[in-house]
Amino acid sequence: MGSGQVGTTRAALARGEVAVLGATRRALGSTPAVPVARALSLFGEHAAGWLLLGAAGWLRGRQQREWATATTGVLLAHGAAVVVKRAARRSRPVLEAVPSLVRTPSTLSFPSAHAASTAAATAGFGPLVGRPVMTAALGAMAVSRVLLGVHWPTDVVAGAVLGTAVSAGVRRVATAGENR
């Protein structure tokens, strides 16, 4: 692909992301989805809600190894997202038509750490609490980041991919000795 095609592709992607941000806000911006999205934002800040869920699951005393492995995946996915975010240095959306509806701890956007930790929680906690519930949580968190105007859609997708990969890696390491 030549540099002209790359520029054209990037411009089309940017237009698409702005369109998705606007469409999401128009569709959900005056609905109960906004307070739900704000609550999810608070729950997911620094992966705190997922880490507390993991700790509570571990404290129950059943399947402690699985809870510890899943929670480690959440923690490492969040950390990986923060490292990538600092390296990528992509700015959050600043659009007049889609102002941010929550405060964020930084102006850095790519990848979404909320999506990364939630995807890791979905992969790790899914077998413990139910995959449908966790899949719904991931979908809600992903939409919430765009609805609140704090992430570009590709930030959310990249965060989800990163979180899923980190969780899978942690699970692989944790179970490596079991298959021998």
C-alpha atoms as a PDB file:
ATOM      1  CA  MET A   1       0.000   0.000   0.000  1.00  0.00           C
ATOM      2  CA  GLY A   2       1.467   3.357  -0.995  1.00  0.00           C
ATOM      3  CA  SER A   3       1.625   6.379   1.297  1.00  0.00           C
ATOM      4  CA  GLY A   4      -1.331   7.979  -0.499  1.00  0.00           C
ATOM      5  CA  GLN A   5      -3.467   4.923   0.120  1.00  0.00           C
ATOM      6  CA  VAL A   6      -2.383   4.794   3.771  1.00  0.00           C
ATOM      7  CA  GLY A   7      -3.388   8.430   4.220  1.00  0.00           C
ATOM      8  CA  THR A   8      -6.734   7.824   2.523  1.00  0.00           C
ATOM      9  CA  THR A   9      -7.357   4.749   4.677  1.00  0.00           C
ATOM     10  CA  ARG A  10      -6.476   6.627   7.866  1.00  0.00           C
ATOM     11  CA  ALA A  11      -8.768   9.503   6.922  1.00  0.00           C
ATOM     12  CA  ALA A  12     -11.631   7.079   6.215  1.00  0.00           C
ATOM     13  CA  LEU A  13     -11.035   5.322   9.542  1.00  0.00           C
ATOM     14  CA  ALA A  14     -11.022   8.653  11.376  1.00  0.00           C
ATOM     15  CA  ARG A  15     -14.301   9.674   9.720  1.00  0.00           C
ATOM     16  CA  GLY A  16     -15.789   6.303  10.638  1.00  0.00           C
ATOM     17  CA  GLU A  17     -14.731   6.659  14.267  1.00  0.00           C
ATOM     18  CA  VAL A  18     -16.238  10.138  14.521  1.00  0.00           C
ATOM     19  CA  ALA A  19     -19.428   8.788  12.941  1.00  0.00           C
ATOM     20  CA  VAL A  20     -19.627   5.922  15.460  1.00  0.00           C
ATOM     21  CA  LEU A  21     -19.047   8.297  18.383  1.00  0.00           C
ATOM     22  CA  GLY A  22     -21.791  10.609  17.126  1.00  0.00           C
ATOM     23  CA  ALA A  23     -24.244   7.815  16.349  1.00  0.00           C
ATOM     24  CA  THR A  24     -23.715   6.210  19.758  1.00  0.00           C
ATOM     25  CA  ARG A  25     -24.297   9.503  21.549  1.00  0.00           C
ATOM     26  CA  ARG A  26     -27.402  10.280  19.467  1.00  0.00           C
ATOM     27  CA  ALA A  27     -28.861   6.821  20.072  1.00  0.00           C
ATOM     28  CA  LEU A  28     -28.095   6.512  23.784  1.00  0.00           C
ATOM     29  CA  GLY A  29     -27.181   9.971  25.052  1.00  0.00           C
ATOM     30  CA  SER A  30     -30.581  10.801  26.511  1.00  0.00           C
ATOM     31  CA  THR A  31     -31.332   7.347  27.910  1.00  0.00           C
ATOM     32  CA  PRO A  32     -30.619   5.525  31.175  1.00  0.00           C
ATOM     33  CA  ALA A  33     -27.541   4.140  29.413  1.00  0.00           C
ATOM     34  CA  VAL A  34     -25.587   7.267  30.440  1.00  0.00           C
ATOM     35  CA  PRO A  35     -25.818   6.738  34.227  1.00  0.00           C
ATOM     36  CA  VAL A  36     -25.121   3.033  33.679  1.00  0.00           C
ATOM     37  CA  ALA A  37     -22.066   3.958  31.597  1.00  0.00           C
ATOM     38  CA  ARG A  38     -20.874   6.324  34.328  1.00  0.00           C
ATOM     39  CA  ALA A  39     -21.245   3.553  36.914  1.00  0.00           C
ATOM     40  CA  LEU A  40     -19.298   1.160  34.674  1.00  0.00           C
ATOM     41  CA  SER A  41     -16.614   3.804  34.262  1.00  0.00           C
ATOM     42  CA  LEU A  42     -16.221   4.064  38.018  1.00  0.00           C
ATOM     43  CA  PHE A  43     -16.302   0.258  38.445  1.00  0.00           C
ATOM     44  CA  GLY A  44     -13.610  -0.203  35.804  1.00  0.00           C
ATOM     45  CA  GLU A  45     -11.295   2.613  36.897  1.00  0.00           C
ATOM     46  CA  HIS A  46      -7.851   1.070  37.419  1.00  0.00           C
ATOM     47  CA  ALA A  47      -9.635  -2.323  37.106  1.00  0.00           C
ATOM     48  CA  ALA A  48     -10.734  -1.872  40.733  1.00  0.00           C
ATOM     49  CA  GLY A  49     -14.176  -3.464  40.391  1.00  0.00           C
ATOM     50  CA  TRP A  50     -12.779  -6.520  38.631  1.00  0.00           C
ATOM     51  CA  LEU A  51      -9.966  -6.874  41.157  1.00  0.00           C
ATOM     52  CA  LEU A  52     -12.486  -6.710  44.004  1.00  0.00           C
ATOM     53  CA  LEU A  53     -14.645  -9.334  42.297  1.00  0.00           C
ATOM     54  CA  GLY A  54     -11.598 -11.571  41.934  1.00  0.00           C
ATOM     55  CA  ALA A  55     -10.663 -11.097  45.585  1.00  0.00           C
ATOM     56  CA  ALA A  56     -14.222 -11.885  46.683  1.00  0.00           C
ATOM     57  CA  GLY A  57     -14.252 -15.025  44.551  1.00  0.00           C
ATOM     58  CA  TRP A  58     -10.925 -16.131  45.988  1.00  0.00           C
ATOM     59  CA  LEU A  59     -12.092 -15.450  49.549  1.00  0.00           C
ATOM     60  CA  ARG A  60     -15.045 -17.806  49.059  1.00  0.00           C
ATOM     61  CA  GLY A  61     -12.484 -20.599  49.333  1.00  0.00           C
ATOM     62  CA  ARG A  62     -13.633 -22.541  46.277  1.00  0.00           C
ATOM     63  CA  GLN A  63     -11.688 -22.629  43.025  1.00  0.00           C
ATOM     64  CA  GLN A  64      -9.076 -20.316  44.549  1.00  0.00           C
ATOM     65  CA  ARG A  65      -6.457 -21.133  41.932  1.00  0.00           C
ATOM     66  CA  GLU A  66      -8.859 -20.261  39.109  1.00  0.00           C
ATOM     67  CA  TRP A  67      -9.865 -17.018  40.822  1.00  0.00           C
ATOM     68  CA  ALA A  68      -6.225 -16.102  41.435  1.00  0.00           C
ATOM     69  CA  THR A  69      -5.284 -16.856  37.827  1.00  0.00           C
ATOM     70  CA  ALA A  70      -8.207 -14.846  36.449  1.00  0.00           C
ATOM     71  CA  THR A  71      -7.518 -11.914  38.769  1.00  0.00           C
ATOM     72  CA  THR A  72      -3.839 -11.930  37.827  1.00  0.00           C
ATOM     73  CA  GLY A  73      -4.923 -11.752  34.193  1.00  0.00           C
ATOM     74  CA  VAL A  74      -7.084  -8.701  34.945  1.00  0.00           C
ATOM     75  CA  LEU A  75      -4.252  -6.948  36.785  1.00  0.00           C
ATOM     76  CA  LEU A  76      -1.685  -7.676  34.071  1.00  0.00           C
ATOM     77  CA  ALA A  77      -4.097  -6.696  31.274  1.00  0.00           C
ATOM     78  CA  HIS A  78      -4.707  -3.352  32.939  1.00  0.00           C
ATOM     79  CA  GLY A  79      -0.975  -2.842  33.391  1.00  0.00           C
ATOM     80  CA  ALA A  80      -0.253  -3.797  29.791  1.00  0.00           C
ATOM     81  CA  ALA A  81      -2.874  -1.326  28.558  1.00  0.00           C
ATOM     82  CA  VAL A  82      -1.306   1.470  30.601  1.00  0.00           C
ATOM     83  CA  VAL A  83       2.155   0.672  29.196  1.00  0.00           C
ATOM     84  CA  VAL A  84       0.869   0.594  25.610  1.00  0.00           C
ATOM     85  CA  LYS A  85      -1.143   3.774  26.227  1.00  0.00           C
ATOM     86  CA  ARG A  86       2.000   5.622  27.350  1.00  0.00           C
ATOM     87  CA  ALA A  87       3.930   4.365  24.328  1.00  0.00           C
ATOM     88  CA  ALA A  88       1.169   5.080  21.770  1.00  0.00           C
ATOM     89  CA  ARG A  89       0.289   8.525  23.177  1.00  0.00           C
ATOM     90  CA  ARG A  90      -2.982   8.767  21.240  1.00  0.00           C
ATOM     91  CA  SER A  91      -5.235  11.538  22.522  1.00  0.00           C
ATOM     92  CA  ARG A  92      -8.791  10.991  23.658  1.00  0.00           C
ATOM     93  CA  PRO A  93     -11.596  12.278  21.437  1.00  0.00           C
ATOM     94  CA  VAL A  94     -12.235  15.995  21.743  1.00  0.00           C
ATOM     95  CA  LEU A  95     -15.376  16.596  19.718  1.00  0.00           C
ATOM     96  CA  GLU A  96     -17.854  19.419  20.150  1.00  0.00           C
ATOM     97  CA  ALA A  97     -20.749  17.114  19.223  1.00  0.00           C
ATOM     98  CA  VAL A  98     -19.623  14.418  21.675  1.00  0.00           C
ATOM     99  CA  PRO A  99     -18.192  16.042  24.794  1.00  0.00           C
ATOM    100  CA  SER A 100     -16.782  13.755  27.454  1.00  0.00           C
ATOM    101  CA  LEU A 101     -19.376  12.841  30.089  1.00  0.00           C
ATOM    102  CA  VAL A 102     -16.841  11.710  32.738  1.00  0.00           C
ATOM    103  CA  ARG A 103     -13.434  12.781  33.951  1.00  0.00           C
ATOM    104  CA  THR A 104     -10.455  10.626  33.060  1.00  0.00           C
ATOM    105  CA  PRO A 105      -7.119  10.262  34.855  1.00  0.00           C
ATOM    106  CA  SER A 106      -5.181  11.053  31.669  1.00  0.00           C
ATOM    107  CA  THR A 107      -5.611  12.408  28.179  1.00  0.00           C
ATOM    108  CA  LEU A 108      -4.254   9.175  26.682  1.00  0.00           C
ATOM    109  CA  SER A 109      -6.683   6.971  24.822  1.00  0.00           C
ATOM    110  CA  PHE A 110      -5.151   3.949  23.064  1.00  0.00           C
ATOM    111  CA  PRO A 111      -5.892   1.245  24.089  1.00  0.00           C
ATOM    112  CA  SER A 112      -8.814   1.394  26.484  1.00  0.00           C
ATOM    113  CA  ALA A 113      -7.633   0.021  29.830  1.00  0.00           C
ATOM    114  CA  HIS A 114     -11.294  -0.404  30.849  1.00  0.00           C
ATOM    115  CA  ALA A 115     -11.853  -2.645  27.819  1.00  0.00           C
ATOM    116  CA  ALA A 116      -8.594  -4.527  28.434  1.00  0.00           C
ATOM    117  CA  SER A 117      -9.346  -5.333  32.066  1.00  0.00           C
ATOM    118  CA  THR A 118     -12.976  -6.184  31.275  1.00  0.00           C
ATOM    119  CA  ALA A 119     -11.967  -8.498  28.428  1.00  0.00           C
ATOM    120  CA  ALA A 120      -9.485 -10.198  30.758  1.00  0.00           C
ATOM    121  CA  ALA A 121     -12.233 -10.499  33.372  1.00  0.00           C
ATOM    122  CA  THR A 122     -14.570 -11.944  30.756  1.00  0.00           C
ATOM    123  CA  ALA A 123     -12.037 -14.574  29.745  1.00  0.00           C
ATOM    124  CA  GLY A 124     -10.948 -15.397  33.283  1.00  0.00           C
ATOM    125  CA  PHE A 125     -14.123 -15.042  35.323  1.00  0.00           C
ATOM    126  CA  GLY A 126     -16.462 -16.334  32.611  1.00  0.00           C
ATOM    127  CA  PRO A 127     -16.004 -20.002  33.537  1.00  0.00           C
ATOM    128  CA  LEU A 128     -16.508 -19.100  37.217  1.00  0.00           C
ATOM    129  CA  VAL A 129     -19.572 -16.842  37.077  1.00  0.00           C
ATOM    130  CA  GLY A 130     -21.016 -17.554  33.644  1.00  0.00           C
ATOM    131  CA  ARG A 131     -19.831 -16.632  30.191  1.00  0.00           C
ATOM    132  CA  PRO A 132     -23.095 -14.912  29.122  1.00  0.00           C
ATOM    133  CA  VAL A 133     -22.966 -12.533  32.107  1.00  0.00           C
ATOM    134  CA  MET A 134     -19.326 -11.665  31.489  1.00  0.00           C
ATOM    135  CA  THR A 135     -19.820 -11.298  27.737  1.00  0.00           C
ATOM    136  CA  ALA A 136     -22.660  -8.854  28.421  1.00  0.00           C
ATOM    137  CA  ALA A 137     -20.405  -6.960  30.842  1.00  0.00           C
ATOM    138  CA  LEU A 138     -17.727  -6.644  28.160  1.00  0.00           C
ATOM    139  CA  GLY A 139     -20.249  -5.398  25.607  1.00  0.00           C
ATOM    140  CA  ALA A 140     -21.660  -2.863  28.052  1.00  0.00           C
ATOM    141  CA  MET A 141     -18.196  -1.630  29.038  1.00  0.00           C
ATOM    142  CA  ALA A 142     -17.142  -1.299  25.397  1.00  0.00           C
ATOM    143  CA  VAL A 143     -20.214   0.721  24.456  1.00  0.00           C
ATOM    144  CA  SER A 144     -19.914   2.824  27.615  1.00  0.00           C
ATOM    145  CA  ARG A 145     -16.432   4.072  26.714  1.00  0.00           C
ATOM    146  CA  VAL A 146     -17.672   5.332  23.346  1.00  0.00           C
ATOM    147  CA  LEU A 147     -20.972   6.653  24.720  1.00  0.00           C
ATOM    148  CA  LEU A 148     -19.134   8.664  27.373  1.00  0.00           C
ATOM    149  CA  GLY A 149     -16.933  10.168  24.653  1.00  0.00           C
ATOM    150  CA  VAL A 150     -13.665   9.105  26.272  1.00  0.00           C
ATOM    151  CA  HIS A 151     -12.438   6.559  23.700  1.00  0.00           C
ATOM    152  CA  TRP A 152     -12.286   6.106  19.986  1.00  0.00           C
ATOM    153  CA  PRO A 153     -13.934   2.833  18.901  1.00  0.00           C
ATOM    154  CA  THR A 154     -10.559   1.381  17.851  1.00  0.00           C
ATOM    155  CA  ASP A 155      -9.233   2.062  21.375  1.00  0.00           C
ATOM    156  CA  VAL A 156     -11.962  -0.173  22.748  1.00  0.00           C
ATOM    157  CA  VAL A 157     -11.376  -2.942  20.204  1.00  0.00           C
ATOM    158  CA  ALA A 158      -7.610  -2.855  20.803  1.00  0.00           C
ATOM    159  CA  GLY A 159      -8.136  -2.931  24.560  1.00  0.00           C
ATOM    160  CA  ALA A 160     -10.434  -5.942  24.296  1.00  0.00           C
ATOM    161  CA  VAL A 161      -7.966  -7.808  22.090  1.00  0.00           C
ATOM    162  CA  LEU A 162      -5.085  -6.968  24.433  1.00  0.00           C
ATOM    163  CA  GLY A 163      -7.011  -8.017  27.547  1.00  0.00           C
ATOM    164  CA  THR A 164      -8.112 -11.296  25.993  1.00  0.00           C
ATOM    165  CA  ALA A 165      -4.547 -12.084  24.886  1.00  0.00           C
ATOM    166  CA  VAL A 166      -3.047 -11.261  28.280  1.00  0.00           C
ATOM    167  CA  SER A 167      -5.650 -13.366  30.070  1.00  0.00           C
ATOM    168  CA  ALA A 168      -4.979 -16.298  27.729  1.00  0.00           C
ATOM    169  CA  GLY A 169      -1.246 -15.971  28.328  1.00  0.00           C
ATOM    170  CA  VAL A 170      -1.671 -15.926  32.099  1.00  0.00           C
ATOM    171  CA  ARG A 171      -3.947 -18.970  31.943  1.00  0.00           C
ATOM    172  CA  ARG A 172      -1.425 -20.790  29.719  1.00  0.00           C
ATOM    173  CA  VAL A 173       1.409 -20.122  32.156  1.00  0.00           C
ATOM    174  CA  ALA A 174      -0.699 -21.052  35.182  1.00  0.00           C
ATOM    175  CA  THR A 175      -1.765 -24.376  33.687  1.00  0.00           C
ATOM    176  CA  ALA A 176       1.518 -25.277  31.938  1.00  0.00           C
ATOM    177  CA  GLY A 177       2.480 -27.902  34.509  1.00  0.00           C
ATOM    178  CA  GLU A 178      -0.946 -29.547  34.534  1.00  0.00           C
ATOM    179  CA  ASN A 179      -0.590 -31.047  31.060  1.00  0.00           C
ATOM    180  CA  ARG A 180       2.662 -32.919  31.697  1.00  0.00           C
END
